[in-house]
Amino acid sequence: MEKNEILPVVEKACAERGCTLVRIDADDDNNFDVTIGKEGGVSLEDCEAVHRAVLAAFDRDIEDYALTVGSEGISAEEADSLLAEDR
């Protein structure tokens, strides 16, 4: 999967949450690291919404990719930790 394929999905999901896309980093193994921003701060729910939008748009079994969504204020590891605490 190419970065240009995921970009419109992420931008739309960000806009729906009142967020902006800061950057998308990708490596040769289809690992995508999405960073979003929002005035007043990005919530965990914002990150989850963007993540779910990408999951809904692309079949991970077919596309074979990994995705993390975070903000400049929270790392992917911190977001994963918070999600684990909520479960």
PDB file of N, CA and C in Angstrom:
ATOM      1  N   MET A   1       0.851  -1.165   0.000  1.00  0.00           N
ATOM      2  CA  MET A   1       0.000   0.000   0.000  1.00  0.00           C
ATOM      3  C   MET A   1       0.899   1.230   0.000  1.00  0.00           C
ATOM      4  N   GLU A   2       0.487   2.232  -0.722  1.00  0.00           N
ATOM      5  CA  GLU A   2       1.251   3.467  -0.835  1.00  0.00           C
ATOM      6  C   GLU A   2       0.671   4.549   0.079  1.00  0.00           C
ATOM      7  N   LYS A   3       1.522   5.484   0.464  1.00  0.00           N
ATOM      8  CA  LYS A   3       1.087   6.594   1.315  1.00  0.00           C
ATOM      9  C   LYS A   3      -0.037   7.393   0.661  1.00  0.00           C
ATOM     10  N   ASN A   4       0.025   7.562  -0.668  1.00  0.00           N
ATOM     11  CA  ASN A   4      -1.005   8.345  -1.356  1.00  0.00           C
ATOM     12  C   ASN A   4      -2.368   7.655  -1.342  1.00  0.00           C
ATOM     13  N   GLU A   5      -2.416   6.356  -1.074  1.00  0.00           N
ATOM     14  CA  GLU A   5      -3.688   5.652  -0.962  1.00  0.00           C
ATOM     15  C   GLU A   5      -4.354   5.906   0.388  1.00  0.00           C
ATOM     16  N   ILE A   6      -3.558   5.978   1.423  1.00  0.00           N
ATOM     17  CA  ILE A   6      -4.082   6.155   2.777  1.00  0.00           C
ATOM     18  C   ILE A   6      -4.394   7.627   3.073  1.00  0.00           C
ATOM     19  N   LEU A   7      -3.697   8.531   2.394  1.00  0.00           N
ATOM     20  CA  LEU A   7      -3.805   9.967   2.658  1.00  0.00           C
ATOM     21  C   LEU A   7      -5.241  10.501   2.613  1.00  0.00           C
ATOM     22  N   PRO A   8      -6.035  10.256   1.561  1.00  0.00           N
ATOM     23  CA  PRO A   8      -7.390  10.828   1.553  1.00  0.00           C
ATOM     24  C   PRO A   8      -8.293  10.291   2.662  1.00  0.00           C
ATOM     25  N   VAL A   9      -8.097   9.047   3.037  1.00  0.00           N
ATOM     26  CA  VAL A   9      -8.897   8.454   4.115  1.00  0.00           C
ATOM     27  C   VAL A   9      -8.568   9.136   5.442  1.00  0.00           C
ATOM     28  N   VAL A  10      -7.284   9.329   5.701  1.00  0.00           N
ATOM     29  CA  VAL A  10      -6.849   9.980   6.936  1.00  0.00           C
ATOM     30  C   VAL A  10      -7.309  11.438   6.968  1.00  0.00           C
ATOM     31  N   GLU A  11      -7.147  12.140   5.862  1.00  0.00           N
ATOM     32  CA  GLU A  11      -7.555  13.546   5.823  1.00  0.00           C
ATOM     33  C   GLU A  11      -9.061  13.697   6.075  1.00  0.00           C
ATOM     34  N   LYS A  12      -9.859  12.822   5.489  1.00  0.00           N
ATOM     35  CA  LYS A  12     -11.319  12.892   5.696  1.00  0.00           C
ATOM     36  C   LYS A  12     -11.673  12.603   7.153  1.00  0.00           C
ATOM     37  N   ALA A  13     -11.066  11.571   7.715  1.00  0.00           N
ATOM     38  CA  ALA A  13     -11.344  11.223   9.116  1.00  0.00           C
ATOM     39  C   ALA A  13     -10.906  12.340  10.053  1.00  0.00           C
ATOM     40  N   CYS A  14      -9.769  12.947   9.755  1.00  0.00           N
ATOM     41  CA  CYS A  14      -9.296  14.075  10.574  1.00  0.00           C
ATOM     42  C   CYS A  14     -10.286  15.230  10.511  1.00  0.00           C
ATOM     43  N   ALA A  15     -10.729  15.561   9.317  1.00  0.00           N
ATOM     44  CA  ALA A  15     -11.667  16.675   9.140  1.00  0.00           C
ATOM     45  C   ALA A  15     -12.969  16.423   9.901  1.00  0.00           C
ATOM     46  N   GLU A  16     -13.436  15.186   9.894  1.00  0.00           N
ATOM     47  CA  GLU A  16     -14.671  14.849  10.609  1.00  0.00           C
ATOM     48  C   GLU A  16     -14.528  15.025  12.111  1.00  0.00           C
ATOM     49  N   ARG A  17     -13.313  14.926  12.627  1.00  0.00           N
ATOM     50  CA  ARG A  17     -13.058  15.078  14.061  1.00  0.00           C
ATOM     51  C   ARG A  17     -12.547  16.467  14.419  1.00  0.00           C
ATOM     52  N   GLY A  18     -12.428  17.349  13.420  1.00  0.00           N
ATOM     53  CA  GLY A  18     -11.905  18.688  13.682  1.00  0.00           C
ATOM     54  C   GLY A  18     -10.402  18.698  13.878  1.00  0.00           C
ATOM     55  N   CYS A  19      -9.735  17.695  13.361  1.00  0.00           N
ATOM     56  CA  CYS A  19      -8.290  17.560  13.487  1.00  0.00           C
ATOM     57  C   CYS A  19      -7.617  17.903  12.161  1.00  0.00           C
ATOM     58  N   THR A  20      -6.309  18.026  12.211  1.00  0.00           N
ATOM     59  CA  THR A  20      -5.516  18.199  11.005  1.00  0.00           C
ATOM     60  C   THR A  20      -4.463  17.104  10.954  1.00  0.00           C
ATOM     61  N   LEU A  21      -4.102  16.741   9.759  1.00  0.00           N
ATOM     62  CA  LEU A  21      -3.032  15.773   9.568  1.00  0.00           C
ATOM     63  C   LEU A  21      -1.704  16.506   9.670  1.00  0.00           C
ATOM     64  N   VAL A  22      -0.858  16.082  10.580  1.00  0.00           N
ATOM     65  CA  VAL A  22       0.461  16.678  10.746  1.00  0.00           C
ATOM     66  C   VAL A  22       1.441  15.991   9.798  1.00  0.00           C
ATOM     67  N   ARG A  23       1.432  14.647   9.809  1.00  0.00           N
ATOM     68  CA  ARG A  23       2.302  13.905   8.888  1.00  0.00           C
ATOM     69  C   ARG A  23       1.923  12.429   8.869  1.00  0.00           C
ATOM     70  N   ILE A  24       2.330  11.795   7.797  1.00  0.00           N
ATOM     71  CA  ILE A  24       2.255  10.340   7.690  1.00  0.00           C
ATOM     72  C   ILE A  24       3.659   9.858   7.343  1.00  0.00           C
ATOM     73  N   ASP A  25       4.192   9.000   8.186  1.00  0.00           N
ATOM     74  CA  ASP A  25       5.477   8.372   7.904  1.00  0.00           C
ATOM     75  C   ASP A  25       5.204   6.920   7.531  1.00  0.00           C
ATOM     76  N   ALA A  26       5.926   6.436   6.539  1.00  0.00           N
ATOM     77  CA  ALA A  26       5.768   5.052   6.112  1.00  0.00           C
ATOM     78  C   ALA A  26       7.136   4.466   5.815  1.00  0.00           C
ATOM     79  N   ASP A  27       7.256   3.155   6.052  1.00  0.00           N
ATOM     80  CA  ASP A  27       8.504   2.496   5.707  1.00  0.00           C
ATOM     81  C   ASP A  27       8.249   1.458   4.615  1.00  0.00           C
ATOM     82  N   ASP A  28       9.272   0.757   4.228  1.00  0.00           N
ATOM     83  CA  ASP A  28       9.166  -0.219   3.141  1.00  0.00           C
ATOM     84  C   ASP A  28       8.350  -1.452   3.511  1.00  0.00           C
ATOM     85  N   ASP A  29       8.075  -1.628   4.796  1.00  0.00           N
ATOM     86  CA  ASP A  29       7.298  -2.778   5.261  1.00  0.00           C
ATOM     87  C   ASP A  29       5.819  -2.457   5.465  1.00  0.00           C
ATOM     88  N   ASN A  30       5.360  -1.333   4.916  1.00  0.00           N
ATOM     89  CA  ASN A  30       3.966  -0.893   5.046  1.00  0.00           C
ATOM     90  C   ASN A  30       3.569  -0.619   6.497  1.00  0.00           C
ATOM     91  N   ASN A  31       4.474  -0.059   7.257  1.00  0.00           N
ATOM     92  CA  ASN A  31       4.168   0.423   8.599  1.00  0.00           C
ATOM     93  C   ASN A  31       3.906   1.917   8.491  1.00  0.00           C
ATOM     94  N   PHE A  32       2.684   2.325   8.825  1.00  0.00           N
ATOM     95  CA  PHE A  32       2.282   3.724   8.714  1.00  0.00           C
ATOM     96  C   PHE A  32       2.155   4.322  10.104  1.00  0.00           C
ATOM     97  N   ASP A  33       2.777   5.475  10.288  1.00  0.00           N
ATOM     98  CA  ASP A  33       2.713   6.210  11.542  1.00  0.00           C
ATOM     99  C   ASP A  33       2.067   7.562  11.238  1.00  0.00           C
ATOM    100  N   VAL A  34       0.834   7.728  11.678  1.00  0.00           N
ATOM    101  CA  VAL A  34       0.048   8.931  11.402  1.00  0.00           C
ATOM    102  C   VAL A  34       0.080   9.830  12.632  1.00  0.00           C
ATOM    103  N   THR A  35       0.401  11.088  12.426  1.00  0.00           N
ATOM    104  CA  THR A  35       0.391  12.075  13.501  1.00  0.00           C
ATOM    105  C   THR A  35      -0.659  13.127  13.172  1.00  0.00           C
ATOM    106  N   ILE A  36      -1.566  13.370  14.130  1.00  0.00           N
ATOM    107  CA  ILE A  36      -2.627  14.344  13.929  1.00  0.00           C
ATOM    108  C   ILE A  36      -2.528  15.443  14.977  1.00  0.00           C
ATOM    109  N   GLY A  37      -3.148  16.576  14.692  1.00  0.00           N
ATOM    110  CA  GLY A  37      -3.170  17.698  15.615  1.00  0.00           C
ATOM    111  C   GLY A  37      -4.560  18.284  15.730  1.00  0.00           C
ATOM    112  N   LYS A  38      -4.774  19.024  16.793  1.00  0.00           N
ATOM    113  CA  LYS A  38      -6.075  19.661  17.008  1.00  0.00           C
ATOM    114  C   LYS A  38      -5.898  20.781  18.016  1.00  0.00           C
ATOM    115  N   GLU A  39      -6.475  21.920  17.692  1.00  0.00           N
ATOM    116  CA  GLU A  39      -6.416  23.025  18.645  1.00  0.00           C
ATOM    117  C   GLU A  39      -7.116  22.590  19.924  1.00  0.00           C
ATOM    118  N   GLY A  40      -6.461  22.784  21.038  1.00  0.00           N
ATOM    119  CA  GLY A  40      -7.012  22.338  22.310  1.00  0.00           C
ATOM    120  C   GLY A  40      -6.576  20.932  22.672  1.00  0.00           C
ATOM    121  N   GLY A  41      -5.933  20.245  21.743  1.00  0.00           N
ATOM    122  CA  GLY A  41      -5.401  18.916  22.019  1.00  0.00           C
ATOM    123  C   GLY A  41      -6.178  17.793  21.374  1.00  0.00           C
ATOM    124  N   VAL A  42      -5.455  16.800  20.968  1.00  0.00           N
ATOM    125  CA  VAL A  42      -6.030  15.594  20.370  1.00  0.00           C
ATOM    126  C   VAL A  42      -6.421  14.646  21.498  1.00  0.00           C
ATOM    127  N   SER A  43      -7.620  14.092  21.385  1.00  0.00           N
ATOM    128  CA  SER A  43      -8.068  13.114  22.380  1.00  0.00           C
ATOM    129  C   SER A  43      -7.778  11.705  21.884  1.00  0.00           C
ATOM    130  N   LEU A  44      -7.822  10.774  22.792  1.00  0.00           N
ATOM    131  CA  LEU A  44      -7.671   9.376  22.422  1.00  0.00           C
ATOM    132  C   LEU A  44      -8.777   8.973  21.445  1.00  0.00           C
ATOM    133  N   GLU A  45      -9.968   9.520  21.642  1.00  0.00           N
ATOM    134  CA  GLU A  45     -11.085   9.220  20.753  1.00  0.00           C
ATOM    135  C   GLU A  45     -10.815   9.711  19.332  1.00  0.00           C
ATOM    136  N   ASP A  46     -10.121  10.851  19.190  1.00  0.00           N
ATOM    137  CA  ASP A  46      -9.746  11.345  17.864  1.00  0.00           C
ATOM    138  C   ASP A  46      -8.830  10.346  17.171  1.00  0.00           C
ATOM    139  N   CYS A  47      -7.832   9.882  17.893  1.00  0.00           N
ATOM    140  CA  CYS A  47      -6.896   8.904  17.331  1.00  0.00           C
ATOM    141  C   CYS A  47      -7.613   7.612  16.952  1.00  0.00           C
ATOM    142  N   GLU A  48      -8.501   7.156  17.822  1.00  0.00           N
ATOM    143  CA  GLU A  48      -9.251   5.935  17.538  1.00  0.00           C
ATOM    144  C   GLU A  48     -10.123   6.087  16.303  1.00  0.00           C
ATOM    145  N   ALA A  49     -10.750   7.243  16.137  1.00  0.00           N
ATOM    146  CA  ALA A  49     -11.632   7.473  14.990  1.00  0.00           C
ATOM    147  C   ALA A  49     -10.851   7.434  13.678  1.00  0.00           C
ATOM    148  N   VAL A  50      -9.678   8.042  13.670  1.00  0.00           N
ATOM    149  CA  VAL A  50      -8.849   8.016  12.461  1.00  0.00           C
ATOM    150  C   VAL A  50      -8.388   6.581  12.191  1.00  0.00           C
ATOM    151  N   HIS A  51      -7.982   5.894  13.232  1.00  0.00           N
ATOM    152  CA  HIS A  51      -7.541   4.504  13.098  1.00  0.00           C
ATOM    153  C   HIS A  51      -8.672   3.635  12.538  1.00  0.00           C
ATOM    154  N   ARG A  52      -9.866   3.770  13.096  1.00  0.00           N
ATOM    155  CA  ARG A  52     -11.005   2.970  12.630  1.00  0.00           C
ATOM    156  C   ARG A  52     -11.364   3.283  11.177  1.00  0.00           C
ATOM    157  N   ALA A  53     -11.241   4.542  10.768  1.00  0.00           N
ATOM    158  CA  ALA A  53     -11.548   4.913   9.385  1.00  0.00           C
ATOM    159  C   ALA A  53     -10.617   4.208   8.408  1.00  0.00           C
ATOM    160  N   VAL A  54      -9.346   4.144   8.769  1.00  0.00           N
ATOM    161  CA  VAL A  54      -8.390   3.450   7.896  1.00  0.00           C
ATOM    162  C   VAL A  54      -8.668   1.949   7.890  1.00  0.00           C
ATOM    163  N   LEU A  55      -8.946   1.391   9.051  1.00  0.00           N
ATOM    164  CA  LEU A  55      -9.259  -0.043   9.122  1.00  0.00           C
ATOM    165  C   LEU A  55     -10.486  -0.380   8.285  1.00  0.00           C
ATOM    166  N   ALA A  56     -11.464   0.506   8.266  1.00  0.00           N
ATOM    167  CA  ALA A  56     -12.676   0.268   7.481  1.00  0.00           C
ATOM    168  C   ALA A  56     -12.425   0.376   5.978  1.00  0.00           C
ATOM    169  N   ALA A  57     -11.455   1.176   5.596  1.00  0.00           N
ATOM    170  CA  ALA A  57     -11.195   1.426   4.176  1.00  0.00           C
ATOM    171  C   ALA A  57     -10.265   0.391   3.542  1.00  0.00           C
ATOM    172  N   PHE A  58      -9.430  -0.252   4.347  1.00  0.00           N
ATOM    173  CA  PHE A  58      -8.432  -1.178   3.806  1.00  0.00           C
ATOM    174  C   PHE A  58      -8.435  -2.478   4.598  1.00  0.00           C
ATOM    175  N   ASP A  59      -8.462  -3.575   3.896  1.00  0.00           N
ATOM    176  CA  ASP A  59      -8.421  -4.896   4.517  1.00  0.00           C
ATOM    177  C   ASP A  59      -6.967  -5.230   4.862  1.00  0.00           C
ATOM    178  N   ARG A  60      -6.675  -5.357   6.126  1.00  0.00           N
ATOM    179  CA  ARG A  60      -5.290  -5.610   6.561  1.00  0.00           C
ATOM    180  C   ARG A  60      -4.773  -6.950   6.055  1.00  0.00           C
ATOM    181  N   ASP A  61      -5.656  -7.914   5.838  1.00  0.00           N
ATOM    182  CA  ASP A  61      -5.213  -9.207   5.330  1.00  0.00           C
ATOM    183  C   ASP A  61      -4.780  -9.116   3.870  1.00  0.00           C
ATOM    184  N   ILE A  62      -5.415  -8.239   3.127  1.00  0.00           N
ATOM    185  CA  ILE A  62      -5.068  -8.065   1.712  1.00  0.00           C
ATOM    186  C   ILE A  62      -3.917  -7.078   1.559  1.00  0.00           C
ATOM    187  N   GLU A  63      -3.994  -5.959   2.242  1.00  0.00           N
ATOM    188  CA  GLU A  63      -3.004  -4.892   2.095  1.00  0.00           C
ATOM    189  C   GLU A  63      -1.732  -5.144   2.903  1.00  0.00           C
ATOM    190  N   ASP A  64      -1.814  -5.942   3.976  1.00  0.00           N
ATOM    191  CA  ASP A  64      -0.664  -6.258   4.813  1.00  0.00           C
ATOM    192  C   ASP A  64       0.067  -4.996   5.276  1.00  0.00           C
ATOM    193  N   TYR A  65      -0.580  -4.256   6.159  1.00  0.00           N
ATOM    194  CA  TYR A  65       0.003  -3.019   6.691  1.00  0.00           C
ATOM    195  C   TYR A  65      -0.186  -2.954   8.198  1.00  0.00           C
ATOM    196  N   ALA A  66       0.587  -2.094   8.831  1.00  0.00           N
ATOM    197  CA  ALA A  66       0.435  -1.794  10.253  1.00  0.00           C
ATOM    198  C   ALA A  66       0.207  -0.294  10.373  1.00  0.00           C
ATOM    199  N   LEU A  67      -0.591   0.103  11.351  1.00  0.00           N
ATOM    200  CA  LEU A  67      -0.969   1.508  11.494  1.00  0.00           C
ATOM    201  C   LEU A  67      -0.927   1.928  12.949  1.00  0.00           C
ATOM    202  N   THR A  68      -0.300   3.067  13.197  1.00  0.00           N
ATOM    203  CA  THR A  68      -0.396   3.717  14.501  1.00  0.00           C
ATOM    204  C   THR A  68      -0.838   5.150  14.263  1.00  0.00           C
ATOM    205  N   VAL A  69      -1.689   5.636  15.140  1.00  0.00           N
ATOM    206  CA  VAL A  69      -2.171   7.010  15.060  1.00  0.00           C
ATOM    207  C   VAL A  69      -1.901   7.659  16.405  1.00  0.00           C
ATOM    208  N   GLY A  70      -1.263   8.805  16.377  1.00  0.00           N
ATOM    209  CA  GLY A  70      -0.963   9.529  17.599  1.00  0.00           C
ATOM    210  C   GLY A  70      -0.939  11.017  17.326  1.00  0.00           C
ATOM    211  N   SER A  71      -0.612  11.768  18.338  1.00  0.00           N
ATOM    212  CA  SER A  71      -0.513  13.217  18.188  1.00  0.00           C
ATOM    213  C   SER A  71       0.882  13.648  18.609  1.00  0.00           C
ATOM    214  N   GLU A  72       1.197  14.879  18.371  1.00  0.00           N
ATOM    215  CA  GLU A  72       2.495  15.379  18.800  1.00  0.00           C
ATOM    216  C   GLU A  72       2.598  15.386  20.319  1.00  0.00           C
ATOM    217  N   GLY A  73       1.462  15.359  20.986  1.00  0.00           N
ATOM    218  CA  GLY A  73       1.454  15.397  22.437  1.00  0.00           C
ATOM    219  C   GLY A  73       1.416  14.033  23.082  1.00  0.00           C
ATOM    220  N   ILE A  74       1.146  12.976  22.307  1.00  0.00           N
ATOM    221  CA  ILE A  74       1.074  11.629  22.867  1.00  0.00           C
ATOM    222  C   ILE A  74       1.693  10.664  21.870  1.00  0.00           C
ATOM    223  N   SER A  75       2.579   9.835  22.347  1.00  0.00           N
ATOM    224  CA  SER A  75       3.236   8.878  21.470  1.00  0.00           C
ATOM    225  C   SER A  75       2.321   7.674  21.243  1.00  0.00           C
ATOM    226  N   ALA A  76       2.644   6.892  20.245  1.00  0.00           N
ATOM    227  CA  ALA A  76       1.872   5.685  19.964  1.00  0.00           C
ATOM    228  C   ALA A  76       1.905   4.738  21.156  1.00  0.00           C
ATOM    229  N   GLU A  77       3.056   4.646  21.824  1.00  0.00           N
ATOM    230  CA  GLU A  77       3.172   3.766  22.986  1.00  0.00           C
ATOM    231  C   GLU A  77       2.271   4.238  24.130  1.00  0.00           C
ATOM    232  N   GLU A  78       2.213   5.550  24.339  1.00  0.00           N
ATOM    233  CA  GLU A  78       1.332   6.092  25.383  1.00  0.00           C
ATOM    234  C   GLU A  78      -0.129   5.839  25.035  1.00  0.00           C
ATOM    235  N   ALA A  79      -0.490   5.997  23.777  1.00  0.00           N
ATOM    236  CA  ALA A  79      -1.872   5.744  23.346  1.00  0.00           C
ATOM    237  C   ALA A  79      -2.229   4.278  23.556  1.00  0.00           C
ATOM    238  N   ASP A  80      -1.320   3.353  23.201  1.00  0.00           N
ATOM    239  CA  ASP A  80      -1.569   1.946  23.406  1.00  0.00           C
ATOM    240  C   ASP A  80      -1.763   1.627  24.888  1.00  0.00           C
ATOM    241  N   SER A  81      -0.967   2.265  25.726  1.00  0.00           N
ATOM    242  CA  SER A  81      -1.077   2.060  27.166  1.00  0.00           C
ATOM    243  C   SER A  81      -2.427   2.536  27.683  1.00  0.00           C
ATOM    244  N   LEU A  82      -2.871   3.697  27.224  1.00  0.00           N
ATOM    245  CA  LEU A  82      -4.182   4.215  27.635  1.00  0.00           C
ATOM    246  C   LEU A  82      -5.306   3.310  27.167  1.00  0.00           C
ATOM    247  N   LEU A  83      -5.204   2.796  25.946  1.00  0.00           N
ATOM    248  CA  LEU A  83      -6.224   1.881  25.436  1.00  0.00           C
ATOM    249  C   LEU A  83      -6.286   0.628  26.292  1.00  0.00           C
ATOM    250  N   ALA A  84      -5.137   0.108  26.661  1.00  0.00           N
ATOM    251  CA  ALA A  84      -5.091  -1.093  27.490  1.00  0.00           C
ATOM    252  C   ALA A  84      -5.746  -0.855  28.842  1.00  0.00           C
ATOM    253  N   GLU A  85      -5.568   0.327  29.401  1.00  0.00           N
ATOM    254  CA  GLU A  85      -6.180   0.654  30.691  1.00  0.00           C
ATOM    255  C   GLU A  85      -7.693   0.757  30.580  1.00  0.00           C
ATOM    256  N   ASP A  86      -8.200   1.175  29.406  1.00  0.00           N
ATOM    257  CA  ASP A  86      -9.639   1.330  29.217  1.00  0.00           C
ATOM    258  C   ASP A  86     -10.346  -0.019  29.025  1.00  0.00           C
ATOM    259  N   ARG A  87      -9.593  -1.056  28.705  1.00  0.00           N
ATOM    260  CA  ARG A  87     -10.215  -2.365  28.416  1.00  0.00           C
ATOM    261  C   ARG A  87     -10.495  -3.133  29.657  1.00  0.00           C
TER     262      ARG A  87
END
